Amino acid sequence: MIRFGKPLPRVAAIAGALWLSGCIEADKAGTPHLVAFDIMDATGTPVMKDPDAAVFTASPRVSFRAVFSDLLDFSQIVDVDAGTGLPGLVTIQAASNPSISTTYTPNGHHKFATPPFFGGTTTGPNIAATVAPGLPSGVPVLITLDITRLKGHNGVPLVVDPGVLPTISFQTLEFGVEGETSKLPFAADHAFAITATNLLGDTFASKVTATSTVGAVVTPEEVVVELSKDDPSQFTVAPKSGMWPAGAKVTVTIAADAADQFGAALGAAVAIDFMVAAPAAAP
């Protein structure tokens, strides 16, 4: 018979004790291993290489993370007074000479990180690297982790695990846009969302136009283009009148010279169609 209630706190306490013992063990001086060095997407998920692709490609809007088996000697990687990573720990080679900064998070041993149900993560000690103001579109990028500066608490140098490299080489995606999709027509007052592969240039909104087609009649539409507050690579296109024509096919066109923040243009005009719901039938 399965009983609920009192045994659950006991299970949580046991799990907590196991995690605590792992953390205590991780505090002992150990030999740190580099267990992963990955490109991370905007959601914090590692970007995996397509095994069939000749070139490793990734979005320009990525960051990087190195994960270690044990805690590191932070005196070689962190400016304690400034509270920031020391320069040169992770370097970048890319067009436009972007800068890169690092943050060290001592999460304990990678096998004994705080369980998610305790509000933690499953990632061990790690160094996160972010690029400012971002990466250009369609360029080769080389990221290098300086492993000579990474040591354990006991001064033992870092060991790089088999199959793991301290460098990441990839190509950023060409600048492009993609509209939202739906199996059903959108409501007449819908603000249509479009996402770009990189942050948008200052004049991007002026490069967006729209037409509506009802039957054989094509009508230019005045639109309001608004950047997303949550995602600076996303924008919406809404009718200035407040309503798209019912039952219309709307075509949003982004001009060929619409560019990202680095000046990389689409190169060819992009037209995205969507349907507007027809008016409801009279009862």
Protein backbone atom coordinates (compact mmCIF):
# COMPACT_ATOMS: atom_id res chain seq x y z
CA MET A 1 0.00 0.00 0.00
CA ILE A 2 1.26 3.47 -0.90
CA ARG A 3 0.82 6.10 1.80
CA PHE A 4 0.97 9.83 1.25
CA GLY A 5 1.55 12.59 3.74
CA LYS A 6 4.22 12.13 6.37
CA PRO A 7 6.68 10.06 4.30
CA LEU A 8 7.11 12.86 1.74
CA PRO A 9 8.94 15.28 4.08
CA ARG A 10 11.17 12.37 5.05
CA VAL A 11 12.02 11.75 1.39
CA ALA A 12 12.74 15.45 0.88
CA ALA A 13 14.96 15.47 3.97
CA ILE A 14 16.92 12.45 2.71
CA ALA A 15 17.32 14.05 -0.72
CA GLY A 16 18.46 17.27 0.93
CA ALA A 17 20.98 15.39 3.04
CA LEU A 18 22.38 13.64 -0.02
CA TRP A 19 22.72 16.95 -1.85
CA LEU A 20 24.38 18.55 1.20
CA SER A 21 26.86 15.70 1.48
CA GLY A 22 27.70 16.24 -2.19
CA CYS A 23 28.29 19.93 -1.61
CA ILE A 24 30.51 19.20 1.38
CA GLU A 25 32.49 16.73 -0.74
CA ALA A 26 32.77 19.34 -3.51
CA ASP A 27 34.32 21.81 -1.07
CA LYS A 28 37.30 19.52 -0.66
CA ALA A 29 40.25 20.30 -2.91
CA GLY A 30 39.84 18.25 -6.07
CA THR A 31 41.17 18.13 -9.59
CA PRO A 32 38.79 20.12 -11.78
CA HIS A 33 37.85 18.71 -15.17
CA LEU A 34 36.42 20.66 -18.07
CA VAL A 35 33.35 18.53 -18.80
CA ALA A 36 31.65 20.79 -21.38
CA PHE A 37 32.22 23.99 -23.34
CA ASP A 38 29.07 24.90 -25.25
CA ILE A 39 27.25 27.53 -27.24
CA MET A 40 24.07 28.46 -25.36
CA ASP A 41 20.91 29.75 -27.02
CA ALA A 42 18.65 32.47 -25.65
CA THR A 43 16.81 29.93 -23.45
CA GLY A 44 20.03 28.66 -21.85
CA THR A 45 20.02 25.40 -23.82
CA PRO A 46 23.22 24.08 -25.44
CA VAL A 47 23.27 24.41 -29.23
CA MET A 48 24.05 21.06 -30.83
CA LYS A 49 25.87 20.73 -34.15
CA ASP A 50 24.03 19.06 -36.99
CA PRO A 51 26.16 15.95 -37.65
CA ASP A 52 25.33 16.14 -41.36
CA ALA A 53 26.27 19.82 -41.72
CA ALA A 54 29.65 20.73 -43.16
CA VAL A 55 29.76 23.96 -41.13
CA PHE A 56 28.61 24.48 -37.53
CA THR A 57 26.10 27.34 -37.68
CA ALA A 58 24.36 29.12 -34.82
CA SER A 59 22.33 32.24 -34.15
CA PRO A 60 24.29 35.46 -33.58
CA ARG A 61 22.32 35.81 -30.34
CA VAL A 62 24.16 33.23 -28.26
CA SER A 63 26.36 33.02 -25.20
CA PHE A 64 28.91 30.44 -24.07
CA ARG A 65 29.35 28.26 -21.00
CA ALA A 66 32.17 26.11 -19.68
CA VAL A 67 31.18 23.52 -17.05
CA PHE A 68 33.62 21.96 -14.58
CA SER A 69 33.58 18.91 -12.33
CA ASP A 70 34.90 20.70 -9.24
CA LEU A 71 35.25 24.17 -7.81
CA LEU A 72 37.96 26.40 -9.25
CA ASP A 73 40.51 28.69 -7.63
CA PHE A 74 38.64 31.93 -8.34
CA SER A 75 41.63 34.17 -7.58
CA GLN A 76 42.84 33.58 -11.15
CA ILE A 77 39.50 34.19 -12.83
CA VAL A 78 37.57 36.76 -10.78
CA ASP A 79 38.30 40.39 -9.91
CA VAL A 80 37.04 40.25 -6.33
CA ASP A 81 36.92 44.03 -5.88
CA ALA A 82 34.98 44.65 -9.09
CA GLY A 83 32.92 41.47 -8.82
CA THR A 84 33.57 40.63 -12.46
CA GLY A 85 35.56 38.07 -14.39
CA LEU A 86 39.16 38.91 -15.18
CA PRO A 87 39.78 39.85 -18.83
CA GLY A 88 41.33 37.36 -21.21
CA LEU A 89 39.85 34.25 -19.61
CA VAL A 90 37.62 33.76 -22.65
CA THR A 91 38.61 35.46 -25.89
CA ILE A 92 36.72 36.00 -29.12
CA GLN A 93 37.72 36.46 -32.74
CA ALA A 94 34.93 37.84 -34.94
CA ALA A 95 34.14 40.72 -37.26
CA SER A 96 33.32 44.08 -35.61
CA ASN A 97 35.65 43.19 -32.69
CA PRO A 98 32.94 42.47 -30.08
CA SER A 99 33.92 42.36 -26.42
CA ILE A 100 33.34 39.37 -24.18
CA SER A 101 32.85 39.21 -20.41
CA THR A 102 32.71 36.29 -18.00
CA THR A 103 30.87 35.32 -14.83
CA TYR A 104 32.00 32.46 -12.57
CA THR A 105 29.28 30.57 -10.70
CA PRO A 106 30.56 28.11 -8.04
CA ASN A 107 27.64 25.67 -7.97
CA GLY A 108 29.57 22.87 -6.29
CA HIS A 109 30.28 19.53 -7.97
CA HIS A 110 28.57 19.04 -11.33
CA LYS A 111 27.17 15.70 -10.09
CA PHE A 112 25.89 17.21 -6.86
CA ALA A 113 24.37 20.50 -8.00
CA THR A 114 21.26 21.73 -6.23
CA PRO A 115 18.26 19.63 -7.36
CA PRO A 116 15.64 21.61 -9.31
CA PHE A 117 12.94 20.89 -6.71
CA PHE A 118 15.08 22.84 -4.21
CA GLY A 119 15.14 25.80 -6.58
CA GLY A 120 18.61 25.11 -7.95
CA THR A 121 20.12 23.90 -11.18
CA THR A 122 21.70 20.72 -12.44
CA THR A 123 24.78 22.56 -13.68
CA GLY A 124 28.05 22.32 -11.80
CA PRO A 125 30.67 25.09 -11.40
CA ASN A 126 30.66 27.08 -14.61
CA ILE A 127 31.98 30.12 -16.41
CA ALA A 128 29.42 31.94 -18.53
CA ALA A 129 30.63 34.26 -21.29
CA THR A 130 28.50 36.92 -22.95
CA VAL A 131 29.26 39.06 -25.97
CA ALA A 132 28.55 42.80 -26.31
CA PRO A 133 26.93 44.26 -28.29
CA GLY A 134 26.39 40.87 -29.91
CA LEU A 135 27.69 38.97 -32.90
CA PRO A 136 27.37 40.07 -36.54
CA SER A 137 25.35 37.96 -38.97
CA GLY A 138 27.03 35.56 -41.37
CA VAL A 139 30.56 35.67 -39.98
CA PRO A 140 33.03 33.06 -38.64
CA VAL A 141 33.56 33.11 -34.87
CA LEU A 142 36.28 31.57 -32.71
CA ILE A 143 35.85 31.37 -28.92
CA THR A 144 38.83 30.28 -26.80
CA LEU A 145 38.92 29.36 -23.11
CA ASP A 146 42.34 29.96 -21.52
CA ILE A 147 42.71 26.69 -19.63
CA THR A 148 46.19 27.61 -18.35
CA ARG A 149 44.56 29.95 -15.81
CA LEU A 150 42.15 27.35 -14.44
CA LYS A 151 43.19 25.42 -11.35
CA GLY A 152 41.55 23.65 -8.44
CA HIS A 153 41.58 24.82 -4.84
CA ASN A 154 44.69 22.72 -4.27
CA GLY A 155 46.51 24.38 -7.19
CA VAL A 156 46.18 21.33 -9.46
CA PRO A 157 45.83 22.37 -13.12
CA LEU A 158 42.62 21.78 -15.03
CA VAL A 159 42.15 18.51 -16.90
CA VAL A 160 40.24 18.61 -20.18
CA ASP A 161 37.96 15.58 -20.51
CA PRO A 162 38.19 13.41 -23.66
CA GLY A 163 35.99 14.73 -26.44
CA VAL A 164 35.87 18.25 -24.97
CA LEU A 165 37.65 21.16 -26.64
CA PRO A 166 38.58 24.53 -25.04
CA THR A 167 37.72 26.24 -28.33
CA ILE A 168 34.46 26.74 -30.23
CA SER A 169 34.46 27.52 -33.93
CA PHE A 170 31.22 28.27 -35.78
CA GLN A 171 29.51 30.50 -38.33
CA THR A 172 26.66 32.83 -37.40
CA LEU A 173 23.46 32.63 -39.42
CA GLU A 174 22.85 35.09 -42.22
CA PHE A 175 20.40 37.86 -41.32
CA GLY A 176 16.82 36.72 -41.94
CA VAL A 177 13.24 37.03 -40.72
CA GLU A 178 10.41 34.57 -40.07
CA GLY A 179 6.73 35.20 -39.39
CA GLU A 180 4.55 33.44 -36.85
CA THR A 181 2.43 30.56 -38.09
CA SER A 182 -1.08 29.37 -37.38
CA LYS A 183 -3.32 26.66 -38.80
CA LEU A 184 -6.26 29.02 -38.40
CA PRO A 185 -6.80 32.56 -39.72
CA PHE A 186 -5.85 35.37 -37.36
CA ALA A 187 -8.36 37.74 -35.78
CA ALA A 188 -8.91 41.03 -37.59
CA ASP A 189 -7.23 42.98 -34.78
CA HIS A 190 -4.21 40.69 -34.59
CA ALA A 191 -0.71 42.20 -34.35
CA PHE A 192 1.33 39.85 -36.53
CA ALA A 193 4.67 38.85 -35.00
CA ILE A 194 7.90 38.52 -36.98
CA THR A 195 11.24 37.41 -35.52
CA ALA A 196 14.65 38.25 -36.94
CA THR A 197 17.83 36.25 -36.49
CA ASN A 198 19.66 39.26 -35.04
CA LEU A 199 18.94 42.56 -33.32
CA LEU A 200 17.32 45.11 -35.60
CA GLY A 201 18.88 48.25 -37.05
CA ASP A 202 17.53 51.71 -36.23
CA THR A 203 15.73 52.14 -39.58
CA PHE A 204 14.27 48.64 -39.76
CA ALA A 205 10.67 49.66 -38.98
CA SER A 206 10.61 52.02 -41.96
CA LYS A 207 11.36 49.08 -44.27
CA VAL A 208 8.13 47.23 -43.47
CA THR A 209 4.99 47.57 -45.61
CA ALA A 210 1.77 45.59 -45.99
CA THR A 211 -1.08 45.00 -48.44
CA SER A 212 -4.39 43.21 -48.07
CA THR A 213 -6.01 41.15 -50.82
CA VAL A 214 -9.75 40.50 -50.92
CA GLY A 215 -10.81 38.74 -54.06
CA ALA A 216 -8.89 40.42 -56.87
CA VAL A 217 -8.52 43.74 -55.05
CA VAL A 218 -5.11 44.53 -53.55
CA THR A 219 -5.04 47.45 -51.11
CA PRO A 220 -2.00 49.06 -49.44
CA GLU A 221 -2.39 49.06 -45.68
CA GLU A 222 -1.06 51.65 -43.25
CA VAL A 223 0.65 49.75 -40.46
CA VAL A 224 2.20 50.26 -37.06
CA VAL A 225 5.49 48.44 -36.54
CA GLU A 226 6.36 47.96 -32.89
CA LEU A 227 9.44 46.34 -31.37
CA SER A 228 8.90 43.75 -28.66
CA LYS A 229 9.82 44.84 -25.13
CA ASP A 230 10.76 41.28 -24.23
CA ASP A 231 12.72 40.31 -27.35
CA PRO A 232 14.56 43.06 -29.28
CA SER A 233 14.81 40.81 -32.34
CA GLN A 234 11.01 40.52 -32.59
CA PHE A 235 8.49 43.05 -33.86
CA THR A 236 4.78 43.15 -34.61
CA VAL A 237 2.88 44.58 -37.57
CA ALA A 238 -0.62 45.85 -36.84
CA PRO A 239 -3.16 47.77 -38.94
CA LYS A 240 -3.14 51.48 -38.15
CA SER A 241 -6.96 51.43 -38.43
CA GLY A 242 -7.09 48.78 -35.73
CA MET A 243 -8.57 46.07 -37.97
CA TRP A 244 -7.37 44.08 -40.96
CA PRO A 245 -10.04 43.56 -43.65
CA ALA A 246 -12.10 40.49 -42.76
CA GLY A 247 -11.28 37.44 -44.85
CA ALA A 248 -8.25 39.11 -46.44
CA LYS A 249 -4.86 37.70 -47.24
CA VAL A 250 -2.35 40.12 -45.75
CA THR A 251 1.15 40.30 -47.20
CA VAL A 252 3.84 41.88 -45.05
CA THR A 253 6.93 42.84 -47.05
CA ILE A 254 10.32 43.64 -45.56
CA ALA A 255 12.55 45.52 -48.00
CA ALA A 256 15.85 44.08 -49.24
CA ASP A 257 17.85 46.84 -47.52
CA ALA A 258 16.31 46.21 -44.08
CA ALA A 259 19.34 45.56 -41.86
CA ASP A 260 20.38 44.33 -38.45
CA GLN A 261 22.25 46.42 -35.88
CA PHE A 262 25.57 45.73 -37.64
CA GLY A 263 24.29 46.81 -41.06
CA ALA A 264 23.86 43.34 -42.56
CA ALA A 265 20.89 43.59 -44.93
CA LEU A 266 18.43 40.92 -46.00
CA GLY A 267 19.70 41.26 -49.56
CA ALA A 268 16.32 40.37 -51.07
CA ALA A 269 12.82 41.50 -50.12
CA VAL A 270 10.93 39.03 -47.93
CA ALA A 271 7.14 38.68 -48.28
CA ILE A 272 5.18 36.91 -45.52
CA ASP A 273 1.49 36.09 -45.98
CA PHE A 274 -1.18 35.37 -43.38
CA MET A 275 -4.94 35.04 -43.48
CA VAL A 276 -7.50 37.06 -41.58
CA ALA A 277 -10.66 35.40 -40.30
CA ALA A 278 -13.77 35.90 -42.38
CA PRO A 279 -16.71 37.75 -40.81
CA ALA A 280 -19.02 35.60 -38.77
CA ALA A 281 -22.14 34.44 -40.58
CA ALA A 282 -25.34 36.20 -39.62
CA PRO A 283 -27.60 34.10 -37.36
